[in-house]
N, C-alpha and C. Protein backbone atom coordinates (compact mmCIF):
# COMPACT_ATOMS: atom_id res chain seq x y z
N MET A 1 98.05 -64.13 91.14
CA MET A 1 98.31 -63.88 89.88
C MET A 1 98.01 -64.61 88.67
N ARG A 2 97.73 -66.03 88.74
CA ARG A 2 97.12 -66.66 87.28
C ARG A 2 95.81 -66.16 87.47
N HIS A 3 94.65 -65.80 88.45
CA HIS A 3 93.12 -65.37 87.68
C HIS A 3 93.71 -63.85 87.29
N PHE A 4 94.93 -63.19 87.88
CA PHE A 4 94.71 -61.89 87.11
C PHE A 4 95.28 -61.97 85.72
N LEU A 5 96.39 -62.96 85.17
CA LEU A 5 96.52 -63.00 83.92
C LEU A 5 95.61 -63.51 83.06
N LEU A 6 94.52 -64.33 83.26
CA LEU A 6 93.34 -65.21 82.55
C LEU A 6 92.49 -63.95 82.44
N ALA A 7 92.57 -62.91 83.65
CA ALA A 7 91.03 -61.76 83.31
C ALA A 7 91.62 -60.74 82.33
N ILE A 8 93.09 -60.82 82.43
CA ILE A 8 93.75 -59.74 81.00
C ILE A 8 93.47 -60.13 79.88
N SER A 9 93.75 -61.40 79.73
CA SER A 9 93.77 -62.37 78.68
C SER A 9 92.04 -62.62 77.86
N LEU A 10 91.30 -62.80 79.17
CA LEU A 10 89.67 -62.52 78.30
C LEU A 10 89.43 -61.26 78.20
N LEU A 11 89.93 -59.98 78.53
CA LEU A 11 89.53 -58.99 78.22
C LEU A 11 90.56 -58.62 77.25
N ALA A 12 91.32 -58.75 76.64
CA ALA A 12 91.99 -58.79 75.54
C ALA A 12 91.35 -59.75 74.34
N ALA A 13 90.88 -60.68 74.25
CA ALA A 13 90.25 -61.61 73.57
C ALA A 13 89.07 -61.14 73.27
N THR A 14 88.20 -60.55 74.23
CA THR A 14 86.77 -59.66 73.72
C THR A 14 86.97 -58.75 73.38
N SER A 15 87.57 -57.78 73.41
CA SER A 15 88.21 -56.67 72.63
C SER A 15 87.93 -56.41 71.55
N PHE A 16 88.32 -57.88 70.97
CA PHE A 16 88.21 -57.53 69.00
C PHE A 16 87.15 -58.16 68.94
N TYR A 17 86.38 -58.66 69.44
CA TYR A 17 84.55 -58.80 69.06
C TYR A 17 83.60 -57.11 68.39
N ALA A 18 83.19 -56.98 67.72
CA ALA A 18 82.51 -55.69 67.29
C ALA A 18 81.69 -55.35 68.55
N GLN A 19 81.69 -54.02 68.75
CA GLN A 19 80.71 -53.84 69.54
C GLN A 19 79.81 -52.82 68.50
N PRO A 20 78.56 -53.00 69.58
CA PRO A 20 77.05 -52.29 68.67
C PRO A 20 77.45 -50.23 68.69
N ALA A 21 77.31 -50.00 67.73
CA ALA A 21 77.52 -48.66 67.55
C ALA A 21 76.67 -47.67 68.59
N ARG A 22 77.31 -46.84 69.33
CA ARG A 22 76.92 -45.82 70.23
C ARG A 22 76.68 -44.97 69.53
N ALA A 23 75.85 -44.04 70.13
CA ALA A 23 75.43 -42.41 69.71
C ALA A 23 76.15 -42.09 70.23
N ASP A 24 76.31 -40.79 69.31
CA ASP A 24 77.56 -39.66 69.46
C ASP A 24 76.61 -38.30 69.26
N GLU A 25 75.93 -37.81 70.50
CA GLU A 25 75.57 -36.48 70.76
C GLU A 25 75.99 -35.70 70.41
N GLY A 26 77.38 -35.61 70.49
CA GLY A 26 78.38 -34.39 70.36
C GLY A 26 78.31 -34.21 68.64
N GLU A 27 78.72 -35.47 68.14
CA GLU A 27 78.21 -35.34 66.59
C GLU A 27 77.16 -34.45 66.10
N ALA A 28 75.98 -34.98 66.42
CA ALA A 28 74.47 -34.37 66.00
C ALA A 28 74.48 -32.83 66.37
N GLU A 29 75.03 -32.94 67.82
CA GLU A 29 75.29 -31.55 67.95
C GLU A 29 75.87 -30.37 66.95
N THR A 30 76.85 -31.05 66.21
CA THR A 30 77.80 -29.66 65.67
C THR A 30 77.26 -30.01 64.51
N CYS A 31 76.54 -31.14 64.09
CA CYS A 31 75.94 -30.66 62.90
C CYS A 31 74.71 -29.83 62.83
N LEU A 32 73.84 -29.60 63.96
CA LEU A 32 73.11 -28.51 64.19
C LEU A 32 73.65 -27.33 64.62
N ARG A 33 74.56 -27.49 65.16
CA ARG A 33 75.32 -26.07 65.46
C ARG A 33 75.63 -25.03 63.76
N SER A 34 76.07 -26.00 62.90
CA SER A 34 76.25 -25.54 61.52
C SER A 34 75.05 -24.93 61.15
N LYS A 35 74.20 -25.36 61.19
CA LYS A 35 73.01 -25.03 60.62
C LYS A 35 72.40 -23.47 61.30
N ILE A 36 72.85 -23.69 62.55
CA ILE A 36 72.49 -22.54 63.66
C ILE A 36 73.25 -21.26 62.79
N TRP A 37 74.16 -21.59 63.12
CA TRP A 37 75.74 -20.45 62.46
C TRP A 37 75.14 -19.99 61.16
N GLU A 38 74.48 -20.92 60.26
CA GLU A 38 74.11 -20.74 59.02
C GLU A 38 73.06 -20.10 58.67
N GLY A 39 72.08 -20.01 59.43
CA GLY A 39 71.09 -19.28 59.86
C GLY A 39 71.28 -17.88 60.45
N TYR A 40 72.17 -17.60 60.90
CA TYR A 40 72.71 -16.27 61.65
C TYR A 40 72.61 -15.29 60.57
N SER A 41 73.03 -15.60 59.67
CA SER A 41 73.42 -14.67 58.60
C SER A 41 72.54 -14.29 58.08
N THR A 42 71.27 -15.17 57.83
CA THR A 42 69.91 -14.56 57.07
C THR A 42 68.97 -13.97 58.19
N GLY A 43 69.41 -13.74 59.83
CA GLY A 43 68.47 -13.21 60.01
C GLY A 43 67.64 -14.09 61.08
N TRP A 44 68.15 -15.41 61.26
CA TRP A 44 67.24 -16.32 62.44
C TRP A 44 68.06 -16.22 63.85
N ALA A 45 67.26 -16.29 64.76
CA ALA A 45 67.84 -16.54 66.00
C ALA A 45 67.39 -17.94 66.87
N VAL A 46 67.96 -18.21 67.59
CA VAL A 46 67.59 -19.84 68.18
C VAL A 46 66.48 -19.39 69.53
N ARG A 47 65.57 -19.80 69.48
CA ARG A 47 64.98 -20.23 70.72
C ARG A 47 65.12 -20.85 71.68
N THR A 48 65.88 -22.37 71.32
CA THR A 48 65.96 -23.47 71.87
C THR A 48 66.87 -24.42 71.36
N SER A 49 67.87 -25.21 71.98
CA SER A 49 68.53 -26.28 71.59
C SER A 49 68.56 -27.08 72.51
N THR A 50 68.33 -28.88 72.17
CA THR A 50 68.32 -29.62 72.82
C THR A 50 69.16 -30.73 72.16
N LYS A 51 69.31 -31.89 72.78
CA LYS A 51 69.78 -33.22 72.20
C LYS A 51 69.19 -34.26 73.40
N ALA A 52 68.83 -35.86 72.36
CA ALA A 52 68.67 -36.81 72.95
C ALA A 52 69.16 -38.15 72.59
N THR A 53 69.50 -39.13 73.31
CA THR A 53 69.59 -40.45 72.38
C THR A 53 68.54 -41.18 72.65
N LEU A 54 68.08 -41.69 71.44
CA LEU A 54 66.91 -42.34 70.80
C LEU A 54 67.44 -43.85 70.68
N THR A 55 66.07 -44.69 71.07
CA THR A 55 66.48 -46.39 70.24
C THR A 55 65.75 -46.15 68.83
N ALA A 56 65.71 -47.13 67.82
CA ALA A 56 64.93 -46.95 66.64
C ALA A 56 63.53 -46.62 67.20
N GLY A 57 63.21 -46.34 66.11
CA GLY A 57 61.68 -46.12 66.32
C GLY A 57 60.95 -45.09 67.48
N ALA A 58 62.39 -44.60 68.54
CA ALA A 58 61.73 -44.21 69.49
C ALA A 58 61.78 -42.27 69.07
N HIS A 59 60.79 -41.65 70.24
CA HIS A 59 60.94 -40.47 69.68
C HIS A 59 60.97 -39.23 71.02
N LYS A 60 61.17 -37.88 70.81
CA LYS A 60 61.17 -37.69 71.92
C LYS A 60 60.45 -36.32 72.15
N VAL A 61 59.48 -35.57 72.72
CA VAL A 61 58.50 -34.45 72.35
C VAL A 61 58.77 -33.26 73.49
N TYR A 62 59.36 -32.10 73.10
CA TYR A 62 59.48 -31.01 73.38
C TYR A 62 58.47 -29.83 73.65
N LEU A 63 57.58 -29.31 74.37
CA LEU A 63 56.87 -28.33 74.87
C LEU A 63 57.45 -26.90 74.20
N VAL A 64 56.60 -26.08 73.53
CA VAL A 64 57.31 -24.90 73.12
C VAL A 64 56.24 -24.02 72.68
N THR A 65 56.34 -22.61 73.65
CA THR A 65 55.36 -21.65 72.80
C THR A 65 55.79 -20.91 71.68
N LEU A 66 54.94 -20.92 70.56
CA LEU A 66 55.44 -20.35 69.56
C LEU A 66 54.74 -18.86 69.20
N TYR A 67 55.22 -17.79 68.81
CA TYR A 67 54.15 -16.41 68.76
C TYR A 67 54.03 -15.97 67.48
N ALA A 68 52.78 -15.85 67.46
CA ALA A 68 51.95 -15.19 66.21
C ALA A 68 52.82 -14.01 65.71
N GLY A 69 53.25 -14.24 64.29
CA GLY A 69 53.95 -13.02 63.56
C GLY A 69 55.23 -13.33 63.25
N ASN A 70 55.90 -14.77 64.48
CA ASN A 70 56.64 -15.33 63.93
C ASN A 70 57.37 -16.22 63.27
N GLU A 71 58.06 -16.30 62.80
CA GLU A 71 58.61 -17.00 61.38
C GLU A 71 59.43 -18.41 62.14
N TYR A 72 58.73 -19.76 62.20
CA TYR A 72 59.56 -20.84 63.03
C TYR A 72 60.50 -21.50 61.92
N LYS A 73 61.80 -22.00 61.98
CA LYS A 73 62.46 -22.66 61.01
C LYS A 73 62.72 -23.92 62.44
N LEU A 74 62.35 -25.36 62.44
CA LEU A 74 62.60 -26.04 63.28
C LEU A 74 63.53 -26.99 62.81
N LEU A 75 65.26 -27.50 63.31
CA LEU A 75 66.00 -28.15 62.68
C LEU A 75 66.25 -29.49 63.86
N ALA A 76 66.59 -30.14 62.78
CA ALA A 76 67.57 -31.75 63.40
C ALA A 76 68.16 -32.18 62.67
N CYS A 77 69.47 -32.77 63.65
CA CYS A 77 70.26 -33.74 63.09
C CYS A 77 70.76 -34.55 63.82
N GLY A 78 70.73 -35.37 62.93
CA GLY A 78 70.86 -37.37 63.58
C GLY A 78 72.50 -37.47 63.45
N ASP A 79 73.13 -37.74 64.20
CA ASP A 79 74.34 -38.43 64.25
C ASP A 79 74.49 -39.81 63.15
N ALA A 80 75.66 -40.43 62.65
CA ALA A 80 76.00 -41.24 61.79
C ALA A 80 75.41 -42.99 62.00
N ASN A 81 74.64 -42.83 63.39
CA ASN A 81 73.61 -44.16 63.14
C ASN A 81 72.29 -43.99 62.72
N VAL A 82 72.07 -42.69 62.90
CA VAL A 82 70.64 -42.37 62.24
C VAL A 82 70.78 -42.60 60.61
N SER A 83 69.46 -42.90 60.55
CA SER A 83 69.49 -43.24 58.66
C SER A 83 68.47 -42.33 58.35
N ASN A 84 67.51 -41.91 59.49
CA ASN A 84 66.08 -41.55 59.30
C ASN A 84 65.65 -40.80 60.39
N ALA A 85 65.73 -39.73 60.03
CA ALA A 85 64.88 -38.56 61.55
C ALA A 85 63.44 -38.09 60.98
N ASP A 86 62.65 -37.56 62.07
CA ASP A 86 61.42 -37.45 61.32
C ASP A 86 61.52 -35.99 62.45
N LEU A 87 60.82 -34.94 62.03
CA LEU A 87 60.14 -33.74 62.65
C LEU A 87 58.68 -33.90 62.99
N VAL A 88 58.48 -33.57 63.57
CA VAL A 88 56.24 -33.42 63.47
C VAL A 88 56.02 -32.28 64.44
N LEU A 89 55.05 -31.46 64.23
CA LEU A 89 54.60 -30.19 64.80
C LEU A 89 53.41 -30.60 64.93
N TYR A 90 53.04 -30.64 66.35
CA TYR A 90 51.39 -30.68 67.11
C TYR A 90 50.97 -29.46 67.12
N ASP A 91 49.93 -28.95 67.77
CA ASP A 91 49.26 -27.86 68.31
C ASP A 91 48.89 -28.75 69.56
N HIS A 92 48.21 -27.66 70.57
CA HIS A 92 47.66 -27.48 71.81
C HIS A 92 46.77 -28.93 72.17
N ALA A 93 46.14 -29.35 70.90
CA ALA A 93 45.18 -30.20 70.87
C ALA A 93 45.54 -31.77 70.55
N GLY A 94 47.09 -31.35 70.04
CA GLY A 94 47.25 -32.62 69.64
C GLY A 94 47.47 -33.26 68.16
N LYS A 95 46.77 -32.10 67.08
CA LYS A 95 46.86 -31.97 65.95
C LYS A 95 47.53 -31.76 65.19
N GLN A 96 48.22 -32.83 64.19
CA GLN A 96 49.56 -32.41 63.50
C GLN A 96 49.21 -31.31 62.23
N VAL A 97 50.30 -30.29 62.56
CA VAL A 97 50.18 -29.13 61.70
C VAL A 97 51.13 -28.84 60.69
N ALA A 98 52.25 -29.57 61.22
CA ALA A 98 53.69 -29.74 60.12
C ALA A 98 54.45 -31.04 60.52
N ALA A 99 55.42 -31.36 59.31
CA ALA A 99 55.69 -32.39 59.24
C ALA A 99 56.84 -32.41 58.18
N ASP A 100 58.01 -33.16 58.66
CA ASP A 100 58.85 -32.87 57.67
C ASP A 100 59.60 -34.72 58.03
N THR A 101 58.80 -35.71 57.12
CA THR A 101 59.23 -36.83 57.07
C THR A 101 59.81 -37.55 55.95
N SER A 102 60.96 -36.64 55.63
CA SER A 102 61.26 -37.21 54.19
C SER A 102 62.40 -38.27 54.98
N ASN A 103 63.09 -38.59 53.75
CA ASN A 103 64.06 -40.23 54.13
C ASN A 103 65.47 -39.64 54.38
N ASP A 104 65.92 -38.90 55.27
CA ASP A 104 67.11 -38.42 55.65
C ASP A 104 67.54 -37.89 57.27
N ARG A 105 68.74 -37.80 57.79
CA ARG A 105 68.59 -37.64 58.59
C ARG A 105 68.82 -35.77 59.40
N GLU A 106 68.38 -34.75 58.63
CA GLU A 106 68.50 -34.00 58.75
C GLU A 106 67.09 -33.15 58.71
N PRO A 107 65.99 -33.70 59.21
CA PRO A 107 64.49 -32.80 58.59
C PRO A 107 64.18 -31.79 59.40
N THR A 108 63.83 -30.81 58.49
CA THR A 108 63.59 -29.02 59.05
C THR A 108 61.87 -28.87 58.99
N ILE A 109 61.36 -28.18 59.76
CA ILE A 109 60.07 -27.48 59.70
C ILE A 109 60.06 -25.95 59.36
N SER A 110 59.30 -25.50 58.39
CA SER A 110 59.02 -24.18 58.40
C SER A 110 57.69 -23.62 59.07
N PHE A 111 57.55 -23.14 59.61
CA PHE A 111 55.68 -22.68 60.59
C PHE A 111 55.89 -21.21 60.91
N THR A 112 54.81 -20.64 60.49
CA THR A 112 54.25 -19.42 61.07
C THR A 112 52.99 -19.71 61.96
N PRO A 113 52.87 -19.34 63.29
CA PRO A 113 51.34 -19.49 63.39
C PRO A 113 50.55 -18.43 63.45
N GLN A 114 49.39 -18.89 63.36
CA GLN A 114 48.30 -17.81 63.18
C GLN A 114 47.79 -16.83 64.68
N SER A 115 48.01 -17.88 65.52
CA SER A 115 48.09 -17.22 66.91
C SER A 115 49.32 -18.01 68.01
N THR A 116 49.17 -17.09 68.81
CA THR A 116 50.41 -17.51 70.10
C THR A 116 49.99 -18.87 70.60
N ASP A 117 50.71 -20.02 71.13
CA ASP A 117 50.04 -20.91 71.65
C ASP A 117 51.01 -21.87 71.95
N THR A 118 50.84 -22.62 72.53
CA THR A 118 51.40 -24.04 73.17
C THR A 118 51.82 -25.11 72.00
N TYR A 119 52.73 -25.58 71.47
CA TYR A 119 52.53 -26.46 70.45
C TYR A 119 53.64 -27.57 70.76
N TYR A 120 53.83 -28.67 70.63
CA TYR A 120 55.00 -30.01 70.64
C TYR A 120 55.46 -30.42 69.65
N ILE A 121 56.51 -30.61 69.58
CA ILE A 121 57.93 -31.13 68.45
C ILE A 121 58.30 -32.33 69.02
N ALA A 122 57.43 -33.03 67.87
CA ALA A 122 58.14 -34.62 68.17
C ALA A 122 59.48 -35.07 67.51
N ALA A 123 60.65 -35.31 67.98
CA ALA A 123 61.55 -35.60 67.48
C ALA A 123 61.82 -37.26 66.91
N HIS A 124 61.89 -37.86 66.19
CA HIS A 124 62.05 -38.95 65.87
C HIS A 124 62.94 -39.94 65.58
N ALA A 125 63.62 -40.58 66.18
CA ALA A 125 64.46 -41.70 65.70
C ALA A 125 63.76 -42.75 64.80
N SER A 126 63.64 -42.54 63.09
CA SER A 126 62.30 -43.21 62.59
C SER A 126 63.76 -44.81 62.41
N ARG A 127 64.57 -44.61 62.22
CA ARG A 127 65.29 -45.62 61.56
C ARG A 127 67.43 -45.74 61.94
N LEU A 128 67.39 -46.74 62.06
CA LEU A 128 69.11 -46.48 62.49
C LEU A 128 70.23 -47.44 61.65
N ASN A 129 71.23 -47.25 61.21
CA ASN A 129 71.87 -47.76 60.43
C ASN A 129 72.38 -49.32 60.93
N GLY A 130 72.53 -50.11 60.39
CA GLY A 130 73.24 -51.68 60.56
C GLY A 130 72.78 -52.24 62.15
N ASP A 131 73.73 -51.96 62.76
CA ASP A 131 73.61 -52.73 64.52
C ASP A 131 73.69 -51.47 65.32
N ALA A 132 73.34 -50.09 64.85
CA ALA A 132 73.66 -49.41 65.98
C ALA A 132 72.13 -49.70 67.12
N GLN A 133 72.29 -49.46 67.83
CA GLN A 133 71.19 -49.50 69.13
C GLN A 133 70.75 -48.49 69.48
N THR A 134 71.44 -47.21 69.28
CA THR A 134 71.00 -45.85 69.99
C THR A 134 71.31 -45.05 68.82
N GLY A 135 70.51 -43.95 68.32
CA GLY A 135 71.02 -42.89 67.38
C GLY A 135 70.86 -41.69 68.59
N ALA A 136 71.85 -40.61 68.05
CA ALA A 136 71.45 -39.39 68.84
C ALA A 136 70.87 -38.30 67.91
N LEU A 137 70.02 -37.62 68.74
CA LEU A 137 69.50 -36.40 67.66
C LEU A 137 69.82 -34.91 68.26
N ALA A 138 69.94 -33.95 67.70
CA ALA A 138 70.17 -32.64 68.74
C ALA A 138 68.99 -31.69 67.12
N THR A 139 67.95 -31.15 68.06
CA THR A 139 67.11 -30.42 67.73
C THR A 139 67.01 -28.74 68.25
N ALA A 140 66.79 -28.02 67.11
CA ALA A 140 66.32 -26.41 67.43
C ALA A 140 64.94 -25.93 67.02
N VAL A 141 64.81 -25.06 67.59
CA VAL A 141 63.67 -23.92 67.06
C VAL A 141 64.32 -22.58 67.18
N THR A 142 64.33 -22.27 65.60
CA THR A 142 64.74 -20.92 65.59
C THR A 142 63.61 -20.16 65.11
N TYR A 143 63.79 -18.74 65.06
CA TYR A 143 63.12 -17.59 64.50
C TYR A 143 63.57 -16.14 64.09
N LYS A 144 62.75 -15.63 63.07
CA LYS A 144 62.74 -14.47 62.92
C LYS A 144 61.32 -13.58 63.12
C-alpha cells in the first residue's frame, strides 16, 4: 500500500510540470477542410488529401500525377505548433517548378502543367513554435 501511495504522489507531482506541445492532426485537418469547402463554391474539386506529423525542419513527400489542361491548387495547413510551413512542387526529374515559402503556416501553390506527368509535392514543417517537438500538416491537391 505504501508503494502505491508513493507512486500516486509521484504521478501527481509530475503532472504539474509543463509537457511539450504535441501535434494536433485534427486541427490541421479542420483548417484544410475549411479551405476545401471554400474552393467547392468556385468550382474546385479535391484530388487527394492527407496529413502528417513532423519534427521541425522535416518534410513529407507525396507523389501525384497532374494532368495537362487542369489547373491545380496545392493547399496545406499547419496546426498551432507550426509557425512556418512550406510547399514545394518538383517535376519527375526533381527540378523545382513551383513553391510557396512565405512565412506562414498555410502555404498555397497554383500550377497548371503543360503536359501530363508525375510530380512530387514536398510539405515542410519549416519551423515550430516554442517547445513544440512535432507539428501537424494537412495537405490537399485540388483541381478544376
